Structure formats: C-alpha cells, structure tokens
Amino acid sequence: MGLDAEISGALQKLSPTQLEVVNESAMHQGHAGDDGSGESHWRVIIQAAQFDDMSRIARHRAIHSALGPDIMGRIHALAIEIK
C-alpha cells in the first residue's frame, strides 16, 4: 500500500465529504526534505462537517492527529486545503 492510500485511509476517521490526496514530491526533487522515496511532499484537500466550528489551527491539529505519528513521521511537507 502506498503512502497516499495510508493517508486517505487515516483521514476517513474525519468522515470527509470530499477528500483528495495529491503527491507533490516530483515537484520537489533535489530540494530539502526529498528523501528519494517519491513520497515526501503531500497536499490534502478535505471537506468535513466537523470542521465547520473549528479554528484553522484546530482543523490542522485534527488532521495531524488522524494521520498519527507513524504517517506524519514519513512526511516532510504537508499542505492542507480545507473546503
């Protein structure tokens, strides 16, 4: 299973109505944090009802918590777009 599937699976805990996981690692080849795995830089586009009454920081914390330390430890950069 690729990291994209792991990210997507972990974020299902948030009951998203929209979820897109985009691997942007190819755009960062040779840059800091590029470990050569092709799975270092990610963008998550997500919409979930539970985010409605949360601050931006609380939303990001919820996403990081859902991903957990194992997945977060393998990601160099995570861009988050909340719809």
PDB file of N, CA and C in Angstrom:
ATOM      1  N   MET A   1       0.839  -1.175   0.000  1.00  0.00           N
ATOM      2  CA  MET A   1       0.000   0.000   0.000  1.00  0.00           C
ATOM      3  C   MET A   1       0.882   1.236   0.000  1.00  0.00           C
ATOM      4  N   GLY A   2       0.582   2.163  -0.901  1.00  0.00           N
ATOM      5  CA  GLY A   2       1.347   3.405  -0.974  1.00  0.00           C
ATOM      6  C   GLY A   2       0.943   4.370   0.129  1.00  0.00           C
ATOM      7  N   LEU A   3       1.774   5.351   0.355  1.00  0.00           N
ATOM      8  CA  LEU A   3       1.507   6.333   1.401  1.00  0.00           C
ATOM      9  C   LEU A   3       0.229   7.107   1.106  1.00  0.00           C
ATOM     10  N   ASP A   4      -0.095   7.325  -0.163  1.00  0.00           N
ATOM     11  CA  ASP A   4      -1.335   8.028  -0.494  1.00  0.00           C
ATOM     12  C   ASP A   4      -2.553   7.274   0.041  1.00  0.00           C
ATOM     13  N   ALA A   5      -2.550   5.960  -0.099  1.00  0.00           N
ATOM     14  CA  ALA A   5      -3.656   5.147   0.418  1.00  0.00           C
ATOM     15  C   ALA A   5      -3.686   5.168   1.944  1.00  0.00           C
ATOM     16  N   GLU A   6      -2.524   5.176   2.571  1.00  0.00           N
ATOM     17  CA  GLU A   6      -2.465   5.251   4.032  1.00  0.00           C
ATOM     18  C   GLU A   6      -3.014   6.580   4.531  1.00  0.00           C
ATOM     19  N   ILE A   7      -2.632   7.659   3.864  1.00  0.00           N
ATOM     20  CA  ILE A   7      -3.129   8.986   4.237  1.00  0.00           C
ATOM     21  C   ILE A   7      -4.648   9.030   4.075  1.00  0.00           C
ATOM     22  N   SER A   8      -5.124   8.592   2.934  1.00  0.00           N
ATOM     23  CA  SER A   8      -6.554   8.593   2.663  1.00  0.00           C
ATOM     24  C   SER A   8      -7.314   7.746   3.678  1.00  0.00           C
ATOM     25  N   GLY A   9      -6.800   6.572   3.976  1.00  0.00           N
ATOM     26  CA  GLY A   9      -7.442   5.693   4.944  1.00  0.00           C
ATOM     27  C   GLY A   9      -7.493   6.299   6.335  1.00  0.00           C
ATOM     28  N   ALA A  10      -6.403   6.914   6.755  1.00  0.00           N
ATOM     29  CA  ALA A  10      -6.351   7.522   8.089  1.00  0.00           C
ATOM     30  C   ALA A  10      -7.311   8.694   8.200  1.00  0.00           C
ATOM     31  N   LEU A  11      -7.476   9.446   7.127  1.00  0.00           N
ATOM     32  CA  LEU A  11      -8.340  10.619   7.167  1.00  0.00           C
ATOM     33  C   LEU A  11      -9.820  10.264   7.104  1.00  0.00           C
ATOM     34  N   GLN A  12     -10.137   9.002   6.828  1.00  0.00           N
ATOM     35  CA  GLN A  12     -11.540   8.569   6.851  1.00  0.00           C
ATOM     36  C   GLN A  12     -12.136   8.720   8.247  1.00  0.00           C
ATOM     37  N   LYS A  13     -11.284   8.752   9.277  1.00  0.00           N
ATOM     38  CA  LYS A  13     -11.751   8.965  10.655  1.00  0.00           C
ATOM     39  C   LYS A  13     -12.499  10.278  10.796  1.00  0.00           C
ATOM     40  N   LEU A  14     -12.217  11.220   9.910  1.00  0.00           N
ATOM     41  CA  LEU A  14     -12.828  12.545   9.971  1.00  0.00           C
ATOM     42  C   LEU A  14     -14.137  12.622   9.174  1.00  0.00           C
ATOM     43  N   SER A  15     -14.562  11.514   8.602  1.00  0.00           N
ATOM     44  CA  SER A  15     -15.798  11.439   7.797  1.00  0.00           C
ATOM     45  C   SER A  15     -15.868  12.539   6.735  1.00  0.00           C
ATOM     46  N   PRO A  16     -14.853  12.601   5.875  1.00  0.00           N
ATOM     47  CA  PRO A  16     -14.843  13.685   4.880  1.00  0.00           C
ATOM     48  C   PRO A  16     -15.935  13.511   3.830  1.00  0.00           C
ATOM     49  N   THR A  17     -16.494  14.639   3.400  1.00  0.00           N
ATOM     50  CA  THR A  17     -17.433  14.624   2.282  1.00  0.00           C
ATOM     51  C   THR A  17     -16.678  14.841   0.974  1.00  0.00           C
ATOM     52  N   GLN A  18     -15.464  15.343   1.089  1.00  0.00           N
ATOM     53  CA  GLN A  18     -14.559  15.486  -0.056  1.00  0.00           C
ATOM     54  C   GLN A  18     -13.153  15.210   0.456  1.00  0.00           C
ATOM     55  N   LEU A  19     -12.410  14.422  -0.290  1.00  0.00           N
ATOM     56  CA  LEU A  19     -11.023  14.143   0.085  1.00  0.00           C
ATOM     57  C   LEU A  19     -10.209  13.862  -1.160  1.00  0.00           C
ATOM     58  N   GLU A  20      -9.120  14.587  -1.275  1.00  0.00           N
ATOM     59  CA  GLU A  20      -8.174  14.356  -2.362  1.00  0.00           C
ATOM     60  C   GLU A  20      -6.774  14.382  -1.754  1.00  0.00           C
ATOM     61  N   VAL A  21      -5.996  13.368  -2.044  1.00  0.00           N
ATOM     62  CA  VAL A  21      -4.622  13.276  -1.567  1.00  0.00           C
ATOM     63  C   VAL A  21      -3.722  13.347  -2.794  1.00  0.00           C
ATOM     64  N   VAL A  22      -2.870  14.377  -2.834  1.00  0.00           N
ATOM     65  CA  VAL A  22      -2.041  14.642  -4.009  1.00  0.00           C
ATOM     66  C   VAL A  22      -0.573  14.522  -3.628  1.00  0.00           C
ATOM     67  N   ASN A  23       0.152  13.683  -4.356  1.00  0.00           N
ATOM     68  CA  ASN A  23       1.593  13.540  -4.153  1.00  0.00           C
ATOM     69  C   ASN A  23       2.299  14.612  -4.980  1.00  0.00           C
ATOM     70  N   GLU A  24       2.918  15.560  -4.292  1.00  0.00           N
ATOM     71  CA  GLU A  24       3.635  16.653  -4.962  1.00  0.00           C
ATOM     72  C   GLU A  24       5.150  16.473  -4.899  1.00  0.00           C
ATOM     73  N   SER A  25       5.593  15.283  -4.562  1.00  0.00           N
ATOM     74  CA  SER A  25       7.022  15.031  -4.364  1.00  0.00           C
ATOM     75  C   SER A  25       7.857  15.302  -5.605  1.00  0.00           C
ATOM     76  N   ALA A  26       7.330  15.001  -6.768  1.00  0.00           N
ATOM     77  CA  ALA A  26       8.087  15.196  -8.007  1.00  0.00           C
ATOM     78  C   ALA A  26       8.449  16.663  -8.220  1.00  0.00           C
ATOM     79  N   MET A  27       7.633  17.563  -7.673  1.00  0.00           N
ATOM     80  CA  MET A  27       7.900  18.997  -7.826  1.00  0.00           C
ATOM     81  C   MET A  27       9.042  19.446  -6.914  1.00  0.00           C
ATOM     82  N   HIS A  28       9.475  18.574  -6.000  1.00  0.00           N
ATOM     83  CA  HIS A  28      10.479  18.951  -5.008  1.00  0.00           C
ATOM     84  C   HIS A  28      11.750  18.092  -5.094  1.00  0.00           C
ATOM     85  N   GLN A  29      11.947  17.402  -6.208  1.00  0.00           N
ATOM     86  CA  GLN A  29      13.136  16.569  -6.362  1.00  0.00           C
ATOM     87  C   GLN A  29      14.388  17.421  -6.217  1.00  0.00           C
ATOM     88  N   GLY A  30      15.291  16.935  -5.380  1.00  0.00           N
ATOM     89  CA  GLY A  30      16.548  17.626  -5.162  1.00  0.00           C
ATOM     90  C   GLY A  30      16.481  18.733  -4.126  1.00  0.00           C
ATOM     91  N   HIS A  31      15.305  19.032  -3.637  1.00  0.00           N
ATOM     92  CA  HIS A  31      15.145  20.074  -2.618  1.00  0.00           C
ATOM     93  C   HIS A  31      15.307  19.463  -1.231  1.00  0.00           C
ATOM     94  N   ALA A  32      15.408  20.313  -0.238  1.00  0.00           N
ATOM     95  CA  ALA A  32      15.492  19.852   1.148  1.00  0.00           C
ATOM     96  C   ALA A  32      14.273  18.994   1.468  1.00  0.00           C
ATOM     97  N   GLY A  33      14.513  17.915   2.147  1.00  0.00           N
ATOM     98  CA  GLY A  33      13.428  17.030   2.546  1.00  0.00           C
ATOM     99  C   GLY A  33      13.104  15.954   1.537  1.00  0.00           C
ATOM    100  N   ASP A  34      13.643  16.044   0.345  1.00  0.00           N
ATOM    101  CA  ASP A  34      13.433  14.996  -0.655  1.00  0.00           C
ATOM    102  C   ASP A  34      14.311  13.820  -0.290  1.00  0.00           C
ATOM    103  N   ASP A  35      13.678  12.745   0.155  1.00  0.00           N
ATOM    104  CA  ASP A  35      14.440  11.576   0.593  1.00  0.00           C
ATOM    105  C   ASP A  35      14.631  10.553  -0.518  1.00  0.00           C
ATOM    106  N   GLY A  36      14.153  10.887  -1.721  1.00  0.00           N
ATOM    107  CA  GLY A  36      14.308   9.978  -2.855  1.00  0.00           C
ATOM    108  C   GLY A  36      13.218   8.922  -2.943  1.00  0.00           C
ATOM    109  N   SER A  37      12.316   8.885  -1.973  1.00  0.00           N
ATOM    110  CA  SER A  37      11.254   7.872  -1.964  1.00  0.00           C
ATOM    111  C   SER A  37      10.126   8.211  -2.932  1.00  0.00           C
ATOM    112  N   GLY A  38      10.027   9.478  -3.311  1.00  0.00           N
ATOM    113  CA  GLY A  38       8.911   9.906  -4.143  1.00  0.00           C
ATOM    114  C   GLY A  38       7.635  10.079  -3.339  1.00  0.00           C
ATOM    115  N   GLU A  39       7.751  10.053  -2.015  1.00  0.00           N
ATOM    116  CA  GLU A  39       6.576  10.186  -1.136  1.00  0.00           C
ATOM    117  C   GLU A  39       6.892  11.109   0.042  1.00  0.00           C
ATOM    118  N   SER A  40       7.448  12.267  -0.240  1.00  0.00           N
ATOM    119  CA  SER A  40       7.865  13.169   0.840  1.00  0.00           C
ATOM    120  C   SER A  40       7.012  14.432   0.956  1.00  0.00           C
ATOM    121  N   HIS A  41       6.381  14.856  -0.118  1.00  0.00           N
ATOM    122  CA  HIS A  41       5.624  16.111  -0.145  1.00  0.00           C
ATOM    123  C   HIS A  41       4.187  15.822  -0.583  1.00  0.00           C
ATOM    124  N   TRP A  42       3.227  16.230   0.247  1.00  0.00           N
ATOM    125  CA  TRP A  42       1.826  15.884   0.013  1.00  0.00           C
ATOM    126  C   TRP A  42       0.925  17.098   0.153  1.00  0.00           C
ATOM    127  N   ARG A  43      -0.197  17.053  -0.532  1.00  0.00           N
ATOM    128  CA  ARG A  43      -1.270  18.042  -0.388  1.00  0.00           C
ATOM    129  C   ARG A  43      -2.554  17.265  -0.118  1.00  0.00           C
ATOM    130  N   VAL A  44      -3.287  17.713   0.896  1.00  0.00           N
ATOM    131  CA  VAL A  44      -4.576  17.120   1.234  1.00  0.00           C
ATOM    132  C   VAL A  44      -5.635  18.191   1.042  1.00  0.00           C
ATOM    133  N   ILE A  45      -6.643  17.870   0.252  1.00  0.00           N
ATOM    134  CA  ILE A  45      -7.800  18.748   0.058  1.00  0.00           C
ATOM    135  C   ILE A  45      -8.963  18.014   0.697  1.00  0.00           C
ATOM    136  N   ILE A  46      -9.564  18.622   1.717  1.00  0.00           N
ATOM    137  CA  ILE A  46     -10.547  17.914   2.516  1.00  0.00           C
ATOM    138  C   ILE A  46     -11.699  18.827   2.913  1.00  0.00           C
ATOM    139  N   GLN A  47     -12.870  18.227   2.978  1.00  0.00           N
ATOM    140  CA  GLN A  47     -14.052  18.903   3.497  1.00  0.00           C
ATOM    141  C   GLN A  47     -14.727  17.924   4.444  1.00  0.00           C
ATOM    142  N   ALA A  48     -15.074  18.402   5.625  1.00  0.00           N
ATOM    143  CA  ALA A  48     -15.752  17.572   6.610  1.00  0.00           C
ATOM    144  C   ALA A  48     -16.611  18.476   7.482  1.00  0.00           C
ATOM    145  N   ALA A  49     -17.808  18.021   7.801  1.00  0.00           N
ATOM    146  CA  ALA A  49     -18.742  18.819   8.589  1.00  0.00           C
ATOM    147  C   ALA A  49     -18.166  19.210   9.941  1.00  0.00           C
ATOM    148  N   GLN A  50     -17.370  18.342  10.541  1.00  0.00           N
ATOM    149  CA  GLN A  50     -16.844  18.641  11.869  1.00  0.00           C
ATOM    150  C   GLN A  50     -15.891  19.832  11.887  1.00  0.00           C
ATOM    151  N   PHE A  51     -15.398  20.240  10.726  1.00  0.00           N
ATOM    152  CA  PHE A  51     -14.508  21.392  10.659  1.00  0.00           C
ATOM    153  C   PHE A  51     -15.254  22.728  10.754  1.00  0.00           C
ATOM    154  N   ASP A  52     -16.571  22.710  10.581  1.00  0.00           N
ATOM    155  CA  ASP A  52     -17.352  23.950  10.489  1.00  0.00           C
ATOM    156  C   ASP A  52     -17.132  24.895  11.665  1.00  0.00           C
ATOM    157  N   ASP A  53     -17.075  24.381  12.873  1.00  0.00           N
ATOM    158  CA  ASP A  53     -16.956  25.235  14.057  1.00  0.00           C
ATOM    159  C   ASP A  53     -15.545  25.253  14.643  1.00  0.00           C
ATOM    160  N   MET A  54     -14.568  24.802  13.868  1.00  0.00           N
ATOM    161  CA  MET A  54     -13.187  24.755  14.351  1.00  0.00           C
ATOM    162  C   MET A  54     -12.372  25.913  13.783  1.00  0.00           C
ATOM    163  N   SER A  55     -11.395  26.347  14.555  1.00  0.00           N
ATOM    164  CA  SER A  55     -10.432  27.319  14.035  1.00  0.00           C
ATOM    165  C   SER A  55      -9.512  26.614  13.040  1.00  0.00           C
ATOM    166  N   ARG A  56      -8.789  27.385  12.280  1.00  0.00           N
ATOM    167  CA  ARG A  56      -7.852  26.807  11.300  1.00  0.00           C
ATOM    168  C   ARG A  56      -6.823  25.921  12.004  1.00  0.00           C
ATOM    169  N   ILE A  57      -6.317  26.367  13.135  1.00  0.00           N
ATOM    170  CA  ILE A  57      -5.321  25.578  13.867  1.00  0.00           C
ATOM    171  C   ILE A  57      -5.933  24.274  14.381  1.00  0.00           C
ATOM    172  N   ALA A  58      -7.153  24.333  14.882  1.00  0.00           N
ATOM    173  CA  ALA A  58      -7.824  23.124  15.376  1.00  0.00           C
ATOM    174  C   ALA A  58      -8.059  22.137  14.232  1.00  0.00           C
ATOM    175  N   ARG A  59      -8.381  22.627  13.065  1.00  0.00           N
ATOM    176  CA  ARG A  59      -8.583  21.758  11.891  1.00  0.00           C
ATOM    177  C   ARG A  59      -7.276  21.044  11.533  1.00  0.00           C
ATOM    178  N   HIS A  60      -6.200  21.806  11.500  1.00  0.00           N
ATOM    179  CA  HIS A  60      -4.899  21.218  11.164  1.00  0.00           C
ATOM    180  C   HIS A  60      -4.487  20.193  12.224  1.00  0.00           C
ATOM    181  N   ARG A  61      -4.728  20.509  13.484  1.00  0.00           N
ATOM    182  CA  ARG A  61      -4.402  19.564  14.557  1.00  0.00           C
ATOM    183  C   ARG A  61      -5.219  18.281  14.416  1.00  0.00           C
ATOM    184  N   ALA A  62      -6.488  18.403  14.045  1.00  0.00           N
ATOM    185  CA  ALA A  62      -7.335  17.227  13.861  1.00  0.00           C
ATOM    186  C   ALA A  62      -6.799  16.345  12.735  1.00  0.00           C
ATOM    187  N   ILE A  63      -6.334  16.971  11.665  1.00  0.00           N
ATOM    188  CA  ILE A  63      -5.771  16.219  10.538  1.00  0.00           C
ATOM    189  C   ILE A  63      -4.479  15.530  10.957  1.00  0.00           C
ATOM    190  N   HIS A  64      -3.601  16.253  11.623  1.00  0.00           N
ATOM    191  CA  HIS A  64      -2.336  15.662  12.085  1.00  0.00           C
ATOM    192  C   HIS A  64      -2.607  14.508  13.052  1.00  0.00           C
ATOM    193  N   SER A  65      -3.580  14.679  13.935  1.00  0.00           N
ATOM    194  CA  SER A  65      -3.929  13.629  14.888  1.00  0.00           C
ATOM    195  C   SER A  65      -4.474  12.403  14.170  1.00  0.00           C
ATOM    196  N   ALA A  66      -5.340  12.615  13.189  1.00  0.00           N
ATOM    197  CA  ALA A  66      -5.900  11.494  12.427  1.00  0.00           C
ATOM    198  C   ALA A  66      -4.804  10.730  11.687  1.00  0.00           C
ATOM    199  N   LEU A  67      -3.823  11.448  11.172  1.00  0.00           N
ATOM    200  CA  LEU A  67      -2.723  10.786  10.457  1.00  0.00           C
ATOM    201  C   LEU A  67      -1.821  10.017  11.412  1.00  0.00           C
ATOM    202  N   GLY A  68      -1.652  10.533  12.608  1.00  0.00           N
ATOM    203  CA  GLY A  68      -0.850   9.844  13.611  1.00  0.00           C
ATOM    204  C   GLY A  68       0.641  10.006  13.388  1.00  0.00           C
ATOM    205  N   PRO A  69       1.415   9.653  14.413  1.00  0.00           N
ATOM    206  CA  PRO A  69       2.867   9.871  14.354  1.00  0.00           C
ATOM    207  C   PRO A  69       3.585   9.012  13.310  1.00  0.00           C
ATOM    208  N   ASP A  70       3.070   7.833  13.002  1.00  0.00           N
ATOM    209  CA  ASP A  70       3.738   6.977  12.014  1.00  0.00           C
ATOM    210  C   ASP A  70       3.709   7.621  10.633  1.00  0.00           C
ATOM    211  N   ILE A  71       2.537   8.051  10.199  1.00  0.00           N
ATOM    212  CA  ILE A  71       2.430   8.678   8.878  1.00  0.00           C
ATOM    213  C   ILE A  71       3.113  10.044   8.886  1.00  0.00           C
ATOM    214  N   MET A  72       2.854  10.846   9.905  1.00  0.00           N
ATOM    215  CA  MET A  72       3.456  12.184   9.964  1.00  0.00           C
ATOM    216  C   MET A  72       4.983  12.102   9.985  1.00  0.00           C
ATOM    217  N   GLY A  73       5.527  11.053  10.575  1.00  0.00           N
ATOM    218  CA  GLY A  73       6.968  10.882  10.629  1.00  0.00           C
ATOM    219  C   GLY A  73       7.600  10.572   9.276  1.00  0.00           C
ATOM    220  N   ARG A  74       6.773  10.163   8.316  1.00  0.00           N
ATOM    221  CA  ARG A  74       7.284   9.843   6.977  1.00  0.00           C
ATOM    222  C   ARG A  74       7.012  10.947   5.962  1.00  0.00           C
ATOM    223  N   ILE A  75       6.390  12.018   6.396  1.00  0.00           N
ATOM    224  CA  ILE A  75       6.062  13.133   5.502  1.00  0.00           C
ATOM    225  C   ILE A  75       6.980  14.308   5.826  1.00  0.00           C
ATOM    226  N   HIS A  76       7.624  14.839   4.803  1.00  0.00           N
ATOM    227  CA  HIS A  76       8.450  16.038   5.009  1.00  0.00           C
ATOM    228  C   HIS A  76       7.584  17.297   4.994  1.00  0.00           C
ATOM    229  N   ALA A  77       6.650  17.365   4.040  1.00  0.00           N
ATOM    230  CA  ALA A  77       5.812  18.555   3.909  1.00  0.00           C
ATOM    231  C   ALA A  77       4.380  18.132   3.622  1.00  0.00           C
ATOM    232  N   LEU A  78       3.433  18.786   4.319  1.00  0.00           N
ATOM    233  CA  LEU A  78       2.017  18.502   4.139  1.00  0.00           C
ATOM    234  C   LEU A  78       1.284  19.829   3.979  1.00  0.00           C
ATOM    235  N   ALA A  79       0.766  20.066   2.781  1.00  0.00           N
ATOM    236  CA  ALA A  79      -0.071  21.238   2.529  1.00  0.00           C
ATOM    237  C   ALA A  79      -1.524  20.806   2.748  1.00  0.00           C
ATOM    238  N   ILE A  80      -2.278  21.630   3.463  1.00  0.00           N
ATOM    239  CA  ILE A  80      -3.656  21.283   3.795  1.00  0.00           C
ATOM    240  C   ILE A  80      -4.574  22.361   3.265  1.00  0.00           C
ATOM    241  N   GLU A  81      -5.545  21.947   2.452  1.00  0.00           N
ATOM    242  CA  GLU A  81      -6.596  22.833   1.959  1.00  0.00           C
ATOM    243  C   GLU A  81      -7.906  22.321   2.521  1.00  0.00           C
ATOM    244  N   ILE A  82      -8.585  23.151   3.284  1.00  0.00           N
ATOM    245  CA  ILE A  82      -9.858  22.758   3.870  1.00  0.00           C
ATOM    246  C   ILE A  82     -10.956  23.527   3.155  1.00  0.00           C
ATOM    247  N   LYS A  83     -11.903  22.791   2.635  1.00  0.00           N
ATOM    248  CA  LYS A  83     -13.018  23.382   1.882  1.00  0.00           C
ATOM    249  C   LYS A  83     -14.161  23.699   2.818  1.00  0.00           C
TER     250      LYS A  83
END
